[in-house]
Amino acid sequence: MSYPGYPPTGYPPFPGYPPTGQESSFPPPGQYPYPSGFPPMGGGAYPPAPSSGYPGAGGYPAPGGYPAPGGYPGAPQPGGAPSYPGVLPGQGFGAPPGGAGFPGYPQPPTQSYGGGPAQVPLPGGFPGGAMPSQYPGGQSPYPSQINTESFPSYPVFSPVSWDYSSEPAPMTQGTHGTIRPAANFDAMRDAEVLRKAMKGFGTDEQAIIDVVANRSNDQRQKIKAAFKTMYGKDLIKDLKSELSGNMEELILALFMPSTYYDAWSLRNAMKGAGTQERVLIEILCTRTNQEIREIVRCYQSEFGRDLEKDIRSDTSGHFERLLVSMCQGNRDENQNVNHQLAQEDAQRLYQAGEGRLGTDESCFNMILATRSFPQLKATMEAYSRMANRDLLNSVSREFSGNVESGLKTILQCALNRPAFFAERLYYSMKGAGTDDSTLVRIVVTRSEIDLVQIKQMFSQMYQKTLGTMIASDTSGDYRKLLLAIVGQ
């Protein structure tokens, strides 16, 4: 859908749109009663949302202002194919020919989110969508035995990945990953293969690649435990002594338990001088309720620190408030969409931004931090009909910096996670140099969740395969392992 510019006189008579000259008093009192159970504008608490939730994401680059005459940037032109690769960061994804109807975004066939019936996929970082009750060897989920020295102060990850979920409802989460648990898995046999690959002069990197790229994260934890049992040595330390650079970073990421990887990344993003805000946005604005609560517990048990306190000391203002809201892991995860509420929320967001001088940031924070992702998508559609402008564009006009990136990340999650990740992967490799930390983070964290769909969206949006671009931007064993994970 593209808007050929704004009318020369006044706004079009969309339902619910304020008549010219009456913006400050619109809507008339009583026209939009808040639904029962809605918190009062002055405050109030939301009931705790059901546990489960939503998965990874980061900040959008600074957007442009008003749409150029003739339509929004990135929107498909009438009668022709869209210009996918040329879309600049922050301008949205070009819609594929014949794509469904939200402006500027390719839409998956169906979208499903965590928290629904049992057959609905629950996006998450653990194979099969569930947090394992125990790690290998009878350890508790976040055992003190996880030797944090095994994961040194690596170069801080600073990806701009944005997390989407769009698995077709009949399928389970695991069916869309490029990595699945290996059949006939034998942890001791794999541990022996890795030991031989690192023994003596030189290293058999191909043998290491063949094992780690074809085992699930849970199976890698078992290999790690078997290795220590068999040889009395720490597998991670041995791998670190044999590897270096990007290959080492990628291997370490693959061997970290998924929740520990997120907690470790957050700690590194806030440790020392400066803060990697994009990492905070990527993780906290996109994970499921259950994942966020597990991350908070892991952060406390492994690093002896309170995540919320660290966020408060490293961020400020409306960005701090948004991240603190995300840390609660209390987003509504009901899969049913209330269309009346979507219309009312769209009106409230308009009145908090475009319909007034200044911005009521707390209104945006409240709605975007609490509504379910399907509900937010319906709100975006209602806003587009009412305001003749999409909500992402309004957020760009009303906000700037990190809080803008955080709010837009949440909206991206509501629209199409694989398309978001495809865009982040593209820009991690586009132009001079490669943002290897972004590339590693996205490939590793999505490898068992939706990397198959991300690859499909990548090809659709940029007319080249993800494997082709990785092959041209990386080299050596690092390239071989990335391509093995991606499934080339």
Protein backbone atom coordinates (compact mmCIF):
# COMPACT_ATOMS: atom_id res chain seq x y z
CA MET A 1 0.00 0.00 0.00
CA SER A 2 1.56 3.34 -0.93
CA TYR A 3 0.33 6.87 -0.36
CA PRO A 4 0.99 9.22 -3.25
CA GLY A 5 1.58 12.18 -0.97
CA TYR A 6 -0.56 14.18 1.37
CA PRO A 7 -3.68 16.01 0.14
CA PRO A 8 -3.11 19.73 -0.51
CA THR A 9 -6.02 20.75 1.69
CA GLY A 10 -6.71 19.02 4.96
CA TYR A 11 -6.68 15.35 5.84
CA PRO A 12 -8.80 12.69 4.21
CA PRO A 13 -11.97 11.89 6.11
CA PHE A 14 -10.77 8.68 7.74
CA PRO A 15 -13.02 7.40 10.49
CA GLY A 16 -11.78 8.56 13.84
CA TYR A 17 -9.50 11.22 12.33
CA PRO A 18 -9.75 14.66 14.00
CA PRO A 19 -11.50 17.31 11.88
CA THR A 20 -9.29 20.23 10.86
CA GLY A 21 -8.93 22.72 13.67
CA GLN A 22 -10.34 20.37 16.29
CA GLU A 23 -7.27 18.22 16.97
CA SER A 24 -6.91 19.26 20.60
CA SER A 25 -10.48 18.35 21.48
CA PHE A 26 -10.77 15.13 19.52
CA PRO A 27 -12.30 12.64 20.07
CA PRO A 28 -15.50 13.98 21.63
CA PRO A 29 -15.89 12.91 25.26
CA GLY A 30 -17.28 9.40 25.62
CA GLN A 31 -16.65 8.40 21.99
CA TYR A 32 -13.85 6.03 22.86
CA PRO A 33 -14.64 4.47 26.22
CA TYR A 34 -11.76 2.44 27.57
CA PRO A 35 -12.52 -1.26 27.81
CA SER A 36 -13.15 -2.84 31.13
CA GLY A 37 -10.02 -3.78 32.95
CA PHE A 38 -7.96 -1.12 31.13
CA PRO A 39 -5.56 0.66 33.48
CA PRO A 40 -6.40 4.32 34.12
CA MET A 41 -4.27 6.88 32.26
CA GLY A 42 -2.68 8.05 35.47
CA GLY A 43 -1.17 4.68 36.30
CA GLY A 44 -2.39 1.35 37.53
CA ALA A 45 -0.95 -2.09 37.24
CA TYR A 46 -1.36 -4.70 34.59
CA PRO A 47 -2.23 -8.18 35.72
CA PRO A 48 0.66 -10.58 35.30
CA ALA A 49 0.67 -12.02 31.81
CA PRO A 50 0.79 -15.72 31.18
CA SER A 51 4.30 -17.07 31.11
CA SER A 52 5.90 -17.94 27.79
CA GLY A 53 6.59 -15.21 25.35
CA TYR A 54 8.52 -13.87 22.50
CA PRO A 55 12.08 -14.09 21.26
CA GLY A 56 16.16 -11.42 19.61
CA ALA A 57 16.43 -7.70 18.34
CA GLY A 58 18.25 -4.42 18.15
CA GLY A 59 17.86 -0.81 17.24
CA TYR A 60 16.85 0.53 13.88
CA PRO A 61 19.13 3.06 12.27
CA ALA A 62 18.04 6.71 12.27
CA PRO A 63 15.06 7.07 9.93
CA GLY A 64 14.26 9.67 7.33
CA GLY A 65 11.47 12.17 7.87
CA TYR A 66 8.35 12.66 5.73
CA PRO A 67 7.76 10.24 2.92
CA ALA A 68 9.04 11.43 -0.42
CA PRO A 69 6.41 12.55 -2.95
CA GLY A 70 5.04 9.59 -4.73
CA GLY A 71 5.03 7.14 -1.87
CA TYR A 72 6.93 5.86 1.10
CA PRO A 73 10.57 4.86 0.68
CA GLY A 74 10.89 1.15 0.27
CA ALA A 75 7.29 0.69 -0.89
CA PRO A 76 6.74 -1.17 -4.14
CA GLN A 77 6.12 0.99 -7.20
CA PRO A 78 2.92 0.40 -9.16
CA GLY A 79 3.40 -2.21 -11.82
CA GLY A 80 6.98 -3.07 -10.97
CA ALA A 81 9.17 -5.04 -8.62
CA PRO A 82 10.28 -3.39 -5.37
CA SER A 83 13.84 -2.24 -4.82
CA TYR A 84 14.84 -4.49 -1.94
CA PRO A 85 18.62 -4.19 -1.61
CA GLY A 86 18.59 -0.44 -2.10
CA VAL A 87 16.40 0.20 0.93
CA LEU A 88 18.39 2.08 3.51
CA PRO A 89 18.43 0.99 7.18
CA GLY A 90 15.35 2.21 9.00
CA GLN A 91 13.21 2.61 5.88
CA GLY A 92 11.60 -0.79 6.23
CA PHE A 93 11.56 -3.80 3.97
CA GLY A 94 10.38 -3.65 0.38
CA ALA A 95 7.20 -5.66 0.00
CA PRO A 96 7.58 -8.57 -2.41
CA PRO A 97 5.33 -8.61 -5.45
CA GLY A 98 1.95 -9.92 -4.44
CA GLY A 99 2.87 -9.66 -0.77
CA ALA A 100 0.17 -9.12 1.82
CA GLY A 101 -0.99 -5.78 2.69
CA PHE A 102 1.00 -3.96 5.35
CA PRO A 103 2.96 -1.09 3.82
CA GLY A 104 6.59 -1.84 3.17
CA TYR A 105 6.83 -5.25 4.83
CA PRO A 106 6.87 -8.73 3.36
CA GLN A 107 4.33 -10.79 5.20
CA PRO A 108 4.76 -14.48 6.02
CA PRO A 109 1.89 -16.85 5.16
CA THR A 110 0.74 -16.94 8.75
CA GLN A 111 2.16 -15.72 12.01
CA SER A 112 1.98 -17.37 15.38
CA TYR A 113 3.36 -16.33 18.71
CA GLY A 114 4.19 -17.94 22.02
CA GLY A 115 1.53 -18.47 24.63
CA GLY A 116 -1.18 -20.04 22.49
CA PRO A 117 -2.53 -23.58 22.38
CA ALA A 118 -0.14 -26.50 22.64
CA GLN A 119 0.20 -26.90 18.89
CA VAL A 120 1.23 -23.26 18.40
CA PRO A 121 5.03 -22.95 18.26
CA LEU A 122 6.67 -21.28 21.21
CA PRO A 123 9.69 -19.35 19.98
CA GLY A 124 12.62 -19.84 22.28
CA GLY A 125 16.29 -20.44 22.47
CA PHE A 126 16.16 -24.09 23.51
CA PRO A 127 15.64 -27.02 21.15
CA GLY A 128 12.00 -27.98 21.05
CA GLY A 129 10.95 -24.60 22.43
CA ALA A 130 11.23 -25.60 26.09
CA MET A 131 13.76 -24.82 28.73
CA PRO A 132 15.55 -28.07 29.61
CA SER A 133 14.93 -29.05 33.17
CA GLN A 134 18.53 -30.13 33.57
CA TYR A 135 21.86 -29.84 31.84
CA PRO A 136 24.06 -32.87 31.24
CA GLY A 137 25.32 -34.68 34.27
CA GLY A 138 22.36 -33.77 36.47
CA GLN A 139 23.28 -30.09 36.78
CA SER A 140 20.69 -27.47 37.54
CA PRO A 141 19.68 -25.06 34.76
CA TYR A 142 22.26 -22.44 35.77
CA PRO A 143 24.82 -24.41 37.73
CA SER A 144 27.71 -22.79 39.47
CA GLN A 145 29.73 -25.41 37.59
CA ILE A 146 29.41 -23.36 34.40
CA ASN A 147 32.94 -22.06 34.40
CA THR A 148 32.65 -18.44 33.33
CA GLU A 149 36.40 -18.38 32.83
CA SER A 150 35.74 -20.60 29.85
CA PHE A 151 34.09 -17.62 28.20
CA PRO A 152 36.60 -14.77 28.44
CA SER A 153 35.91 -11.09 28.01
CA TYR A 154 35.40 -11.46 24.36
CA PRO A 155 35.11 -8.44 22.04
CA VAL A 156 31.71 -7.08 22.91
CA PHE A 157 28.94 -8.31 20.68
CA SER A 158 27.21 -5.34 19.07
CA PRO A 159 24.67 -6.74 16.67
CA VAL A 160 21.63 -4.99 15.32
CA SER A 161 19.49 -8.06 15.03
CA TRP A 162 15.73 -7.86 15.15
CA ASP A 163 13.70 -10.80 16.17
CA TYR A 164 10.56 -12.03 14.39
CA SER A 165 8.36 -15.06 14.65
CA SER A 166 6.32 -16.25 11.76
CA GLU A 167 6.13 -20.01 11.94
CA PRO A 168 3.07 -21.50 10.26
CA ALA A 169 0.75 -22.69 12.98
CA PRO A 170 0.67 -26.41 12.14
CA MET A 171 4.43 -26.74 12.54
CA THR A 172 6.57 -26.70 15.62
CA GLN A 173 9.35 -24.25 16.23
CA GLY A 174 12.16 -26.74 15.71
CA THR A 175 11.13 -27.52 12.14
CA HIS A 176 12.33 -24.10 10.95
CA GLY A 177 15.88 -24.30 12.21
CA THR A 178 18.78 -25.31 9.97
CA ILE A 179 20.24 -27.25 12.91
CA ARG A 180 18.29 -30.14 14.42
CA PRO A 181 19.30 -32.68 17.05
CA ALA A 182 21.48 -35.37 15.49
CA ALA A 183 20.01 -38.86 15.31
CA ASN A 184 21.91 -41.68 17.04
CA PHE A 185 23.75 -39.07 19.08
CA ASP A 186 26.68 -40.33 21.16
CA ALA A 187 28.28 -37.62 23.32
CA MET A 188 31.32 -39.74 24.17
CA ARG A 189 32.03 -40.58 20.54
CA ASP A 190 31.80 -36.87 19.62
CA ALA A 191 34.06 -35.95 22.52
CA GLU A 192 36.63 -38.45 21.25
CA VAL A 193 36.44 -36.98 17.73
CA LEU A 194 37.08 -33.48 19.10
CA ARG A 195 39.97 -34.71 21.25
CA LYS A 196 41.66 -36.33 18.24
CA ALA A 197 41.08 -33.20 16.16
CA MET A 198 43.04 -31.10 18.68
CA LYS A 199 45.73 -33.61 19.66
CA GLY A 200 49.29 -33.31 18.40
CA PHE A 201 50.58 -30.74 15.90
CA GLY A 202 47.95 -28.73 14.09
CA THR A 203 44.20 -28.90 14.36
CA ASP A 204 41.70 -30.78 12.23
CA GLU A 205 39.25 -27.89 11.89
CA GLN A 206 37.03 -29.80 9.47
CA ALA A 207 36.43 -32.54 12.05
CA ILE A 208 35.44 -29.88 14.60
CA ILE A 209 33.10 -28.23 12.07
CA ASP A 210 31.47 -31.57 11.20
CA VAL A 211 30.58 -32.12 14.86
CA VAL A 212 29.50 -28.69 16.13
CA ALA A 213 27.52 -27.68 13.03
CA ASN A 214 25.42 -30.82 13.18
CA ARG A 215 24.51 -30.99 16.85
CA SER A 216 21.83 -29.06 18.75
CA ASN A 217 22.81 -26.74 21.59
CA ASP A 218 21.58 -29.30 24.11
CA GLN A 219 23.74 -31.99 22.51
CA ARG A 220 26.77 -29.68 22.60
CA GLN A 221 26.31 -29.30 26.35
CA LYS A 222 26.39 -33.10 26.66
CA ILE A 223 29.56 -33.29 24.57
CA LYS A 224 31.16 -30.71 26.86
CA ALA A 225 30.27 -32.76 29.94
CA ALA A 226 31.44 -36.03 28.35
CA PHE A 227 34.76 -34.46 27.35
CA LYS A 228 35.54 -33.42 30.92
CA THR A 229 34.48 -36.83 32.23
CA MET A 230 36.62 -38.71 29.73
CA TYR A 231 39.75 -36.57 29.68
CA GLY A 232 39.64 -34.44 32.82
CA LYS A 233 40.00 -31.34 30.68
CA ASP A 234 37.75 -28.44 29.80
CA LEU A 235 36.64 -28.63 26.17
CA ILE A 236 36.19 -24.87 25.86
CA LYS A 237 39.73 -24.15 27.09
CA ASP A 238 41.13 -26.71 24.65
CA LEU A 239 39.16 -25.19 21.76
CA LYS A 240 40.31 -21.69 22.73
CA SER A 241 43.93 -22.80 22.69
CA GLU A 242 43.52 -24.19 19.16
CA LEU A 243 41.39 -21.45 17.60
CA SER A 244 41.47 -17.67 17.28
CA GLY A 245 39.63 -14.67 15.88
CA ASN A 246 36.17 -15.00 14.39
CA MET A 247 36.32 -18.80 14.37
CA GLU A 248 36.93 -18.82 18.12
CA GLU A 249 34.08 -16.35 18.70
CA LEU A 250 31.70 -18.50 16.66
CA ILE A 251 32.69 -21.76 18.39
CA LEU A 252 32.33 -20.22 21.88
CA ALA A 253 28.88 -18.88 20.98
CA LEU A 254 27.80 -22.33 19.79
CA PHE A 255 28.92 -24.00 23.02
CA MET A 256 27.21 -21.54 25.39
CA PRO A 257 23.79 -22.59 26.71
CA SER A 258 21.27 -20.34 24.96
CA THR A 259 20.08 -18.44 28.04
CA TYR A 260 23.63 -18.06 29.32
CA TYR A 261 24.63 -16.61 25.91
CA ASP A 262 21.96 -13.91 26.26
CA ALA A 263 22.91 -13.10 29.86
CA TRP A 264 26.62 -13.09 28.96
CA SER A 265 25.95 -10.75 26.03
CA LEU A 266 23.99 -8.34 28.23
CA ARG A 267 26.77 -8.31 30.82
CA ASN A 268 29.42 -7.61 28.20
CA ALA A 269 27.27 -4.87 26.68
CA MET A 270 27.25 -2.97 29.99
CA LYS A 271 30.69 -3.88 31.34
CA GLY A 272 33.46 -1.28 31.28
CA ALA A 273 33.35 2.12 29.61
CA GLY A 274 30.38 2.77 27.39
CA THR A 275 27.25 0.72 26.76
CA GLN A 276 26.28 -1.34 23.73
CA GLU A 277 22.66 -0.20 23.62
CA ARG A 278 21.91 -2.20 20.49
CA VAL A 279 22.61 -5.45 22.33
CA LEU A 280 20.24 -4.44 25.15
CA ILE A 281 17.52 -3.63 22.63
CA GLU A 282 18.10 -6.79 20.60
CA ILE A 283 17.69 -9.11 23.56
CA LEU A 284 15.26 -7.38 25.91
CA CYS A 285 12.80 -6.07 23.33
CA THR A 286 12.33 -9.37 21.54
CA ARG A 287 12.60 -12.38 23.84
CA THR A 288 9.60 -14.22 25.26
CA ASN A 289 8.39 -13.66 28.81
CA GLN A 290 9.80 -17.00 29.89
CA GLU A 291 13.15 -16.32 28.21
CA ILE A 292 13.46 -12.89 29.84
CA ARG A 293 12.73 -14.29 33.30
CA GLU A 294 15.30 -17.06 32.76
CA ILE A 295 17.85 -14.48 31.56
CA VAL A 296 17.27 -12.34 34.67
CA ARG A 297 17.82 -15.38 36.92
CA CYS A 298 20.89 -16.51 34.99
CA TYR A 299 22.38 -12.99 35.10
CA GLN A 300 22.01 -12.98 38.88
CA SER A 301 23.31 -16.52 39.46
CA GLU A 302 26.25 -16.39 37.05
CA PHE A 303 27.43 -12.80 37.48
CA GLY A 304 26.09 -12.00 40.95
CA ARG A 305 24.39 -8.87 39.65
CA ASP A 306 20.86 -7.51 39.31
CA LEU A 307 20.06 -6.95 35.64
CA GLU A 308 17.53 -4.19 36.27
CA LYS A 309 19.97 -2.27 38.49
CA ASP A 310 22.70 -2.53 35.86
CA ILE A 311 20.27 -1.22 33.22
CA ARG A 312 19.29 1.71 35.43
CA SER A 313 22.92 2.63 36.03
CA ASP A 314 23.86 2.38 32.34
CA THR A 315 20.85 4.00 30.65
CA SER A 316 18.57 6.94 31.35
CA GLY A 317 15.32 8.66 30.47
CA HIS A 318 12.62 7.06 28.37
CA PHE A 319 15.05 4.45 27.03
CA GLU A 320 15.75 3.28 30.59
CA ARG A 321 12.01 3.04 31.30
CA LEU A 322 11.41 0.98 28.17
CA LEU A 323 14.15 -1.51 29.04
CA VAL A 324 12.98 -1.78 32.65
CA SER A 325 9.48 -2.53 31.31
CA MET A 326 10.95 -5.24 29.09
CA CYS A 327 12.92 -6.75 32.01
CA GLN A 328 9.67 -7.62 33.80
CA GLY A 329 8.76 -10.32 31.27
CA ASN A 330 5.08 -9.47 31.64
CA ARG A 331 3.90 -8.83 28.07
CA ASP A 332 0.38 -10.08 27.35
CA GLU A 333 0.68 -13.28 25.34
CA ASN A 334 -2.97 -14.01 24.64
CA GLN A 335 -3.24 -14.96 20.96
CA ASN A 336 -6.73 -13.49 20.52
CA VAL A 337 -6.94 -10.03 18.95
CA ASN A 338 -9.35 -7.44 20.36
CA HIS A 339 -10.10 -5.22 17.37
CA GLN A 340 -11.97 -2.63 19.41
CA LEU A 341 -8.95 -2.29 21.68
CA ALA A 342 -6.69 -2.03 18.61
CA GLN A 343 -8.77 0.90 17.34
CA GLU A 344 -8.71 2.58 20.75
CA ASP A 345 -4.96 2.05 21.13
CA ALA A 346 -4.39 3.49 17.66
CA GLN A 347 -6.40 6.58 18.66
CA ARG A 348 -4.47 6.92 21.93
CA LEU A 349 -1.11 6.62 20.15
CA TYR A 350 -2.18 9.26 17.64
CA GLN A 351 -3.25 11.62 20.43
CA ALA A 352 0.05 10.93 22.25
CA GLY A 353 2.15 11.77 19.20
CA GLU A 354 1.00 13.15 15.88
CA GLY A 355 -2.16 14.70 17.34
CA ARG A 356 -0.43 17.04 19.82
CA LEU A 357 2.53 19.31 20.30
CA GLY A 358 5.27 17.26 21.93
CA THR A 359 5.01 13.56 22.69
CA ASP A 360 3.46 11.60 25.53
CA GLU A 361 6.24 9.01 25.71
CA SER A 362 4.65 7.10 28.58
CA CYS A 363 1.61 6.25 26.45
CA PHE A 364 3.81 4.69 23.76
CA ASN A 365 5.78 2.81 26.42
CA MET A 366 2.63 1.48 28.10
CA ILE A 367 0.98 0.16 24.91
CA LEU A 368 4.10 -1.23 23.22
CA ALA A 369 5.42 -2.86 26.41
CA THR A 370 2.21 -4.62 27.41
CA ARG A 371 0.19 -5.63 24.33
CA SER A 372 0.72 -9.00 22.69
CA PHE A 373 2.44 -9.05 19.32
CA PRO A 374 -0.71 -10.07 17.39
CA GLN A 375 -2.55 -7.24 19.17
CA LEU A 376 0.17 -4.74 18.23
CA LYS A 377 -0.03 -5.80 14.61
CA ALA A 378 -3.78 -5.12 14.63
CA THR A 379 -3.12 -1.75 16.28
CA MET A 380 -0.62 -0.85 13.54
CA GLU A 381 -3.17 -1.70 10.87
CA ALA A 382 -5.85 0.39 12.63
CA TYR A 383 -3.42 3.30 12.99
CA SER A 384 -2.55 3.16 9.29
CA ARG A 385 -6.22 3.33 8.31
CA MET A 386 -6.96 6.12 10.75
CA ALA A 387 -3.91 8.37 10.36
CA ASN A 388 -3.01 7.70 6.72
CA ARG A 389 0.53 7.02 7.98
CA ASP A 390 2.07 3.87 9.36
CA LEU A 391 2.98 3.72 13.04
CA LEU A 392 6.66 3.04 12.39
CA ASN A 393 6.84 6.32 10.49
CA SER A 394 5.14 8.16 13.35
CA VAL A 395 7.58 6.67 15.89
CA SER A 396 10.43 7.93 13.70
CA ARG A 397 8.93 11.42 13.73
CA GLU A 398 8.19 11.51 17.46
CA PHE A 399 11.29 9.79 18.89
CA SER A 400 15.02 9.62 18.26
CA GLY A 401 18.05 7.66 19.39
CA ASN A 402 17.87 4.49 21.44
CA VAL A 403 14.26 4.79 22.57
CA GLU A 404 13.18 5.11 18.94
CA SER A 405 15.21 1.99 18.09
CA GLY A 406 13.65 0.07 20.97
CA LEU A 407 10.07 1.00 20.11
CA LYS A 408 10.58 0.21 16.43
CA THR A 409 12.13 -3.15 17.32
CA ILE A 410 8.96 -4.11 19.21
CA LEU A 411 6.81 -3.11 16.24
CA GLN A 412 9.07 -5.10 13.91
CA CYS A 413 8.49 -8.17 16.08
CA ALA A 414 4.77 -7.74 15.58
CA LEU A 415 5.13 -7.66 11.80
CA ASN A 416 7.69 -10.18 10.59
CA ARG A 417 10.67 -11.46 12.56
CA PRO A 418 12.42 -13.39 9.75
CA ALA A 419 12.31 -10.31 7.50
CA PHE A 420 13.86 -8.24 10.27
CA PHE A 421 16.70 -10.71 10.80
CA ALA A 422 17.26 -10.96 7.05
CA GLU A 423 17.69 -7.20 6.89
CA ARG A 424 20.12 -7.17 9.82
CA LEU A 425 22.18 -9.95 8.23
CA TYR A 426 22.27 -8.06 4.95
CA TYR A 427 23.54 -4.85 6.52
CA SER A 428 26.08 -6.73 8.65
CA MET A 429 27.80 -7.72 5.41
CA LYS A 430 26.93 -4.89 3.03
CA GLY A 431 29.62 -2.40 2.13
CA ALA A 432 33.22 -2.32 3.30
CA GLY A 433 34.04 -4.70 6.12
CA THR A 434 31.81 -7.15 7.95
CA ASP A 435 30.11 -6.76 11.33
CA ASP A 436 31.11 -10.25 12.42
CA SER A 437 29.56 -9.98 15.89
CA THR A 438 26.14 -9.32 14.39
CA LEU A 439 26.61 -12.10 11.86
CA VAL A 440 27.67 -14.63 14.54
CA ARG A 441 24.91 -13.68 16.96
CA ILE A 442 22.07 -13.96 14.46
CA VAL A 443 23.26 -17.16 12.81
CA VAL A 444 23.84 -18.88 16.17
CA THR A 445 20.72 -17.70 18.01
CA ARG A 446 18.33 -18.38 15.11
CA SER A 447 19.93 -21.65 13.92
CA GLU A 448 17.42 -23.84 15.80
CA ILE A 449 14.41 -21.51 15.59
CA ASP A 450 13.70 -19.83 12.24
CA LEU A 451 16.89 -19.61 10.16
CA VAL A 452 15.14 -21.48 7.34
CA GLN A 453 12.58 -18.68 7.07
CA ILE A 454 15.24 -16.01 7.46
CA LYS A 455 17.05 -17.50 4.46
CA GLN A 456 13.83 -17.46 2.44
CA MET A 457 13.14 -13.83 3.31
CA PHE A 458 16.75 -12.90 2.53
CA SER A 459 16.47 -14.34 -0.99
CA GLN A 460 13.10 -12.67 -1.49
CA MET A 461 14.28 -9.25 -0.33
CA TYR A 462 17.75 -9.09 -1.84
CA GLN A 463 17.69 -11.43 -4.86
CA LYS A 464 20.69 -13.38 -3.58
CA THR A 465 21.04 -16.21 -1.12
CA LEU A 466 22.34 -15.74 2.40
CA GLY A 467 24.99 -18.41 1.74
CA THR A 468 26.27 -16.53 -1.31
CA MET A 469 26.72 -13.33 0.67
CA ILE A 470 28.39 -15.11 3.61
CA ALA A 471 30.77 -16.87 1.21
CA SER A 472 31.81 -13.58 -0.39
CA ASP A 473 32.28 -11.76 2.94
CA THR A 474 34.09 -14.37 5.06
CA SER A 475 36.97 -16.78 4.58
CA GLY A 476 38.70 -19.91 5.85
CA ASP A 477 37.31 -22.22 8.51
CA TYR A 478 35.09 -19.37 9.79
CA ARG A 479 33.34 -19.31 6.43
CA LYS A 480 33.07 -23.13 6.35
CA LEU A 481 31.45 -23.26 9.79
CA LEU A 482 29.00 -20.42 9.06
CA LEU A 483 27.94 -22.07 5.80
CA ALA A 484 27.55 -25.42 7.56
CA ILE A 485 25.24 -23.83 10.14
CA VAL A 486 23.26 -21.94 7.51
CA GLY A 487 22.85 -25.18 5.59
CA GLN A 488 24.72 -24.45 2.36
